[in-house]
Amino acid sequence: MQQSTFATLNAVNCNEHTEKKGNLTYLSWAWAWQIVKSHFPEAHYTIYESPDGWNYFTDGKTCWVKVGVIIQNLEHIEYLPVMDAKNQSILLTNVKSTDINKAIQRALTKACARHGLGLYIYAGEDLPDSEPKQLTPSQTVRQLPAPREQQPTPVATQPSWRQHRNQYFAGK
């Protein structure tokens, strides 16, 4: 029986490929991408551009990047603010191309984590589970109530980038 993409990548121990900066742990983007491609050669990523053709988005004050990783036709998107060494947003007027590049690589790594690779790093755990936890069917499938005829079914299933951004900055 073939494992899911998540189970395959989540089983990889990334600890030897992390770096500590301050109290944060980072996973090398190059190593993360190498592992993803070794398990899923068809995997690819997208660096999204603004309507103006820039590889970042802005509200006029700060900026952020948007990167998606596609594995087996499933895309996970990561939005990441362009930050300085203290993980503070950089004012748009002070952003350099190297800041954008670093944010893109960090977003790429975090999008890989959404597929399972090194996700535990972002959860603050030291090691991945040696054996995957088995969930009961009631834990893996959420029963949704039948839609009422008078209420339309929601179209959007993912939060907008503004909601992602607002949720991210609300936690700061």
C-alpha atoms as a PDB file:
ATOM      1  CA  MET A   1       0.000   0.000   0.000  1.00  0.00           C
ATOM      2  CA  GLN A   2       1.409   3.381  -1.023  1.00  0.00           C
ATOM      3  CA  GLN A   3       1.695   6.089   1.648  1.00  0.00           C
ATOM      4  CA  SER A   4       0.128   9.482   1.166  1.00  0.00           C
ATOM      5  CA  THR A   5       2.330  12.383   0.144  1.00  0.00           C
ATOM      6  CA  PHE A   6       1.971  13.850   3.622  1.00  0.00           C
ATOM      7  CA  ALA A   7       2.878  10.585   5.385  1.00  0.00           C
ATOM      8  CA  THR A   8       5.912  10.094   3.128  1.00  0.00           C
ATOM      9  CA  LEU A   9       7.331  13.583   3.706  1.00  0.00           C
ATOM     10  CA  ASN A  10       6.287  13.786   7.363  1.00  0.00           C
ATOM     11  CA  ALA A  11       8.350  10.656   8.116  1.00  0.00           C
ATOM     12  CA  VAL A  12      11.594  12.386   7.044  1.00  0.00           C
ATOM     13  CA  ASN A  13      13.801  13.501   9.945  1.00  0.00           C
ATOM     14  CA  CYS A  14      15.026  17.006   9.057  1.00  0.00           C
ATOM     15  CA  ASN A  15      16.914  17.765  12.262  1.00  0.00           C
ATOM     16  CA  GLU A  16      20.411  17.414  10.792  1.00  0.00           C
ATOM     17  CA  HIS A  17      19.548  20.000   8.149  1.00  0.00           C
ATOM     18  CA  THR A  18      18.242  22.780  10.358  1.00  0.00           C
ATOM     19  CA  GLU A  19      19.928  25.959  11.536  1.00  0.00           C
ATOM     20  CA  LYS A  20      19.251  27.976  14.665  1.00  0.00           C
ATOM     21  CA  LYS A  21      18.983  31.750  14.404  1.00  0.00           C
ATOM     22  CA  GLY A  22      18.078  33.283  17.720  1.00  0.00           C
ATOM     23  CA  ASN A  23      15.278  31.193  19.178  1.00  0.00           C
ATOM     24  CA  LEU A  24      13.996  30.067  15.758  1.00  0.00           C
ATOM     25  CA  THR A  25      14.852  26.937  13.784  1.00  0.00           C
ATOM     26  CA  TYR A  26      15.173  27.084  10.011  1.00  0.00           C
ATOM     27  CA  LEU A  27      15.281  24.303   7.453  1.00  0.00           C
ATOM     28  CA  SER A  28      17.528  24.784   4.430  1.00  0.00           C
ATOM     29  CA  TRP A  29      15.354  25.470   1.391  1.00  0.00           C
ATOM     30  CA  ALA A  30      17.813  23.679  -0.915  1.00  0.00           C
ATOM     31  CA  TRP A  31      17.780  20.534   1.193  1.00  0.00           C
ATOM     32  CA  ALA A  32      13.971  20.652   1.557  1.00  0.00           C
ATOM     33  CA  TRP A  33      13.498  20.925  -2.202  1.00  0.00           C
ATOM     34  CA  GLN A  34      16.013  18.130  -2.826  1.00  0.00           C
ATOM     35  CA  ILE A  35      14.041  15.794  -0.536  1.00  0.00           C
ATOM     36  CA  VAL A  36      10.697  16.725  -2.102  1.00  0.00           C
ATOM     37  CA  LYS A  37      12.039  16.110  -5.619  1.00  0.00           C
ATOM     38  CA  SER A  38      13.720  12.827  -4.631  1.00  0.00           C
ATOM     39  CA  HIS A  39      10.372  11.468  -3.406  1.00  0.00           C
ATOM     40  CA  PHE A  40       8.147  13.222  -5.958  1.00  0.00           C
ATOM     41  CA  PRO A  41      10.074  14.061  -9.165  1.00  0.00           C
ATOM     42  CA  GLU A  42       7.008  15.682 -10.750  1.00  0.00           C
ATOM     43  CA  ALA A  43       6.725  18.235  -7.914  1.00  0.00           C
ATOM     44  CA  HIS A  44       7.021  21.883  -8.905  1.00  0.00           C
ATOM     45  CA  TYR A  45       6.517  25.294  -7.378  1.00  0.00           C
ATOM     46  CA  THR A  46       5.145  28.657  -8.396  1.00  0.00           C
ATOM     47  CA  ILE A  47       6.346  32.067  -7.297  1.00  0.00           C
ATOM     48  CA  TYR A  48       3.264  34.208  -7.710  1.00  0.00           C
ATOM     49  CA  GLU A  49       3.496  37.711  -9.131  1.00  0.00           C
ATOM     50  CA  SER A  50       1.412  40.772  -8.412  1.00  0.00           C
ATOM     51  CA  PRO A  51      -0.762  42.218 -11.199  1.00  0.00           C
ATOM     52  CA  ASP A  52       2.143  44.626 -11.839  1.00  0.00           C
ATOM     53  CA  GLY A  53       4.493  41.705 -12.500  1.00  0.00           C
ATOM     54  CA  TRP A  54       6.487  41.959  -9.254  1.00  0.00           C
ATOM     55  CA  ASN A  55       7.417  38.787  -7.370  1.00  0.00           C
ATOM     56  CA  TYR A  56       5.955  40.290  -4.195  1.00  0.00           C
ATOM     57  CA  PHE A  57       2.718  41.907  -3.070  1.00  0.00           C
ATOM     58  CA  THR A  58       2.348  45.129  -1.131  1.00  0.00           C
ATOM     59  CA  ASP A  59      -0.156  47.191   0.806  1.00  0.00           C
ATOM     60  CA  GLY A  60       1.987  50.289   0.246  1.00  0.00           C
ATOM     61  CA  LYS A  61       3.652  49.952   3.673  1.00  0.00           C
ATOM     62  CA  THR A  62       5.176  46.457   3.783  1.00  0.00           C
ATOM     63  CA  CYS A  63       5.290  43.511   1.422  1.00  0.00           C
ATOM     64  CA  TRP A  64       4.946  39.733   1.321  1.00  0.00           C
ATOM     65  CA  VAL A  65       5.525  36.877  -1.082  1.00  0.00           C
ATOM     66  CA  LYS A  66       3.275  34.051  -2.213  1.00  0.00           C
ATOM     67  CA  VAL A  67       4.712  30.655  -3.135  1.00  0.00           C
ATOM     68  CA  GLY A  68       2.865  27.465  -3.991  1.00  0.00           C
ATOM     69  CA  VAL A  69       4.239  23.922  -4.039  1.00  0.00           C
ATOM     70  CA  ILE A  70       2.366  21.377  -6.153  1.00  0.00           C
ATOM     71  CA  ILE A  71       2.791  17.669  -5.440  1.00  0.00           C
ATOM     72  CA  GLN A  72       0.514  15.081  -7.037  1.00  0.00           C
ATOM     73  CA  ASN A  73      -1.886  17.792  -8.204  1.00  0.00           C
ATOM     74  CA  LEU A  74      -2.280  19.269  -4.711  1.00  0.00           C
ATOM     75  CA  GLU A  75      -1.026  22.814  -4.190  1.00  0.00           C
ATOM     76  CA  HIS A  76      -0.207  24.253  -0.800  1.00  0.00           C
ATOM     77  CA  ILE A  77       0.364  28.011  -0.808  1.00  0.00           C
ATOM     78  CA  GLU A  78       2.426  29.936   1.702  1.00  0.00           C
ATOM     79  CA  TYR A  79       2.212  33.698   2.217  1.00  0.00           C
ATOM     80  CA  LEU A  80       5.215  35.142   4.021  1.00  0.00           C
ATOM     81  CA  PRO A  81       6.025  38.727   4.969  1.00  0.00           C
ATOM     82  CA  VAL A  82       9.365  40.115   3.850  1.00  0.00           C
ATOM     83  CA  MET A  83      11.204  40.338   7.174  1.00  0.00           C
ATOM     84  CA  ASP A  84      14.511  41.437   8.623  1.00  0.00           C
ATOM     85  CA  ALA A  85      16.885  39.323  10.750  1.00  0.00           C
ATOM     86  CA  LYS A  86      14.653  39.977  13.796  1.00  0.00           C
ATOM     87  CA  ASN A  87      11.589  38.626  11.937  1.00  0.00           C
ATOM     88  CA  GLN A  88      10.019  42.071  11.756  1.00  0.00           C
ATOM     89  CA  SER A  89       8.350  43.288   8.566  1.00  0.00           C
ATOM     90  CA  ILE A  90      10.566  45.540   6.503  1.00  0.00           C
ATOM     91  CA  LEU A  91       9.073  48.829   5.357  1.00  0.00           C
ATOM     92  CA  LEU A  92       8.482  48.801   1.608  1.00  0.00           C
ATOM     93  CA  THR A  93      10.852  51.738   1.119  1.00  0.00           C
ATOM     94  CA  ASN A  94      13.681  49.700   2.723  1.00  0.00           C
ATOM     95  CA  VAL A  95      13.129  46.362   0.967  1.00  0.00           C
ATOM     96  CA  LYS A  96      16.001  45.032  -1.147  1.00  0.00           C
ATOM     97  CA  SER A  97      15.863  42.323  -3.787  1.00  0.00           C
ATOM     98  CA  THR A  98      17.849  40.035  -1.470  1.00  0.00           C
ATOM     99  CA  ASP A  99      15.111  40.423   1.179  1.00  0.00           C
ATOM    100  CA  ILE A 100      12.517  39.332  -1.388  1.00  0.00           C
ATOM    101  CA  ASN A 101      14.666  36.377  -2.431  1.00  0.00           C
ATOM    102  CA  LYS A 102      15.098  35.203   1.184  1.00  0.00           C
ATOM    103  CA  ALA A 103      11.353  35.465   1.788  1.00  0.00           C
ATOM    104  CA  ILE A 104      10.632  33.440  -1.362  1.00  0.00           C
ATOM    105  CA  GLN A 105      13.007  30.658  -0.276  1.00  0.00           C
ATOM    106  CA  ARG A 106      11.546  30.605   3.242  1.00  0.00           C
ATOM    107  CA  ALA A 107       8.011  30.502   1.815  1.00  0.00           C
ATOM    108  CA  LEU A 108       9.041  27.634  -0.474  1.00  0.00           C
ATOM    109  CA  THR A 109      10.295  25.679   2.541  1.00  0.00           C
ATOM    110  CA  LYS A 110       7.137  26.401   4.527  1.00  0.00           C
ATOM    111  CA  ALA A 111       4.962  25.333   1.578  1.00  0.00           C
ATOM    112  CA  CYS A 112       6.924  22.044   1.527  1.00  0.00           C
ATOM    113  CA  ALA A 113       6.166  21.734   5.250  1.00  0.00           C
ATOM    114  CA  ARG A 114       2.450  22.033   4.489  1.00  0.00           C
ATOM    115  CA  HIS A 115       2.944  18.856   2.429  1.00  0.00           C
ATOM    116  CA  GLY A 116       4.540  17.244   5.522  1.00  0.00           C
ATOM    117  CA  LEU A 117       8.307  17.844   5.217  1.00  0.00           C
ATOM    118  CA  GLY A 118       9.599  19.197   8.511  1.00  0.00           C
ATOM    119  CA  LEU A 119       6.178  20.356   9.630  1.00  0.00           C
ATOM    120  CA  TYR A 120       7.081  19.436  13.185  1.00  0.00           C
ATOM    121  CA  ILE A 121       9.774  22.153  13.124  1.00  0.00           C
ATOM    122  CA  TYR A 122       7.092  24.792  12.833  1.00  0.00           C
ATOM    123  CA  ALA A 123       5.043  23.115  15.554  1.00  0.00           C
ATOM    124  CA  GLY A 124       7.994  23.356  17.958  1.00  0.00           C
ATOM    125  CA  GLU A 125       8.580  19.631  18.246  1.00  0.00           C
ATOM    126  CA  ASP A 126      12.119  18.207  18.422  1.00  0.00           C
ATOM    127  CA  LEU A 127      11.610  15.014  16.431  1.00  0.00           C
ATOM    128  CA  PRO A 128       8.986  13.605  14.097  1.00  0.00           C
ATOM    129  CA  ASP A 129       6.945  10.666  15.345  1.00  0.00           C
ATOM    130  CA  SER A 130       8.846   7.424  14.841  1.00  0.00           C
ATOM    131  CA  GLU A 131       5.568   5.720  14.033  1.00  0.00           C
ATOM    132  CA  PRO A 132       2.682   7.572  12.420  1.00  0.00           C
ATOM    133  CA  LYS A 133      -0.318   7.908  14.697  1.00  0.00           C
ATOM    134  CA  GLN A 134      -3.348   5.995  13.505  1.00  0.00           C
ATOM    135  CA  LEU A 135      -6.582   7.950  13.429  1.00  0.00           C
ATOM    136  CA  THR A 136     -10.002   6.411  13.651  1.00  0.00           C
ATOM    137  CA  PRO A 137     -12.397   7.062  10.769  1.00  0.00           C
ATOM    138  CA  SER A 138     -14.324   9.533  12.922  1.00  0.00           C
ATOM    139  CA  GLN A 139     -11.096  11.537  13.388  1.00  0.00           C
ATOM    140  CA  THR A 140     -10.202  11.574   9.698  1.00  0.00           C
ATOM    141  CA  VAL A 141     -13.582  12.406   8.176  1.00  0.00           C
ATOM    142  CA  ARG A 142     -15.610  15.346   9.353  1.00  0.00           C
ATOM    143  CA  GLN A 143     -19.331  15.041   8.748  1.00  0.00           C
ATOM    144  CA  LEU A 144     -20.788  18.222   7.343  1.00  0.00           C
ATOM    145  CA  PRO A 145     -24.462  19.001   7.763  1.00  0.00           C
ATOM    146  CA  ALA A 146     -26.566  18.732   4.642  1.00  0.00           C
ATOM    147  CA  PRO A 147     -26.916  22.160   3.018  1.00  0.00           C
ATOM    148  CA  ARG A 148     -30.239  23.881   3.383  1.00  0.00           C
ATOM    149  CA  GLU A 149     -32.016  24.538   0.136  1.00  0.00           C
ATOM    150  CA  GLN A 150     -32.421  28.247   0.840  1.00  0.00           C
ATOM    151  CA  GLN A 151     -28.714  28.791   1.680  1.00  0.00           C
ATOM    152  CA  PRO A 152     -26.160  28.822  -1.119  1.00  0.00           C
ATOM    153  CA  THR A 153     -23.101  26.607  -0.700  1.00  0.00           C
ATOM    154  CA  PRO A 154     -19.982  28.705  -0.044  1.00  0.00           C
ATOM    155  CA  VAL A 155     -17.690  28.861  -3.081  1.00  0.00           C
ATOM    156  CA  ALA A 156     -14.414  29.846  -1.422  1.00  0.00           C
ATOM    157  CA  THR A 157     -12.876  27.092   0.683  1.00  0.00           C
ATOM    158  CA  GLN A 158      -9.607  28.829   1.545  1.00  0.00           C
ATOM    159  CA  PRO A 159      -9.104  32.159   3.278  1.00  0.00           C
ATOM    160  CA  SER A 160      -8.109  35.055   1.063  1.00  0.00           C
ATOM    161  CA  TRP A 161      -4.550  36.368   1.156  1.00  0.00           C
ATOM    162  CA  ARG A 162      -5.820  39.320   3.196  1.00  0.00           C
ATOM    163  CA  GLN A 163      -7.268  36.943   5.802  1.00  0.00           C
ATOM    164  CA  HIS A 164      -3.956  35.010   5.866  1.00  0.00           C
ATOM    165  CA  ARG A 165      -2.028  38.256   6.257  1.00  0.00           C
ATOM    166  CA  ASN A 166      -4.353  39.608   8.929  1.00  0.00           C
ATOM    167  CA  GLN A 167      -4.233  36.323  10.860  1.00  0.00           C
ATOM    168  CA  TYR A 168      -0.433  36.292  10.643  1.00  0.00           C
ATOM    169  CA  PHE A 169       0.001  39.853  11.841  1.00  0.00           C
ATOM    170  CA  ALA A 170      -2.671  39.493  14.532  1.00  0.00           C
ATOM    171  CA  GLY A 171      -0.399  36.952  16.230  1.00  0.00           C
ATOM    172  CA  LYS A 172       2.584  39.360  16.312  1.00  0.00           C
END
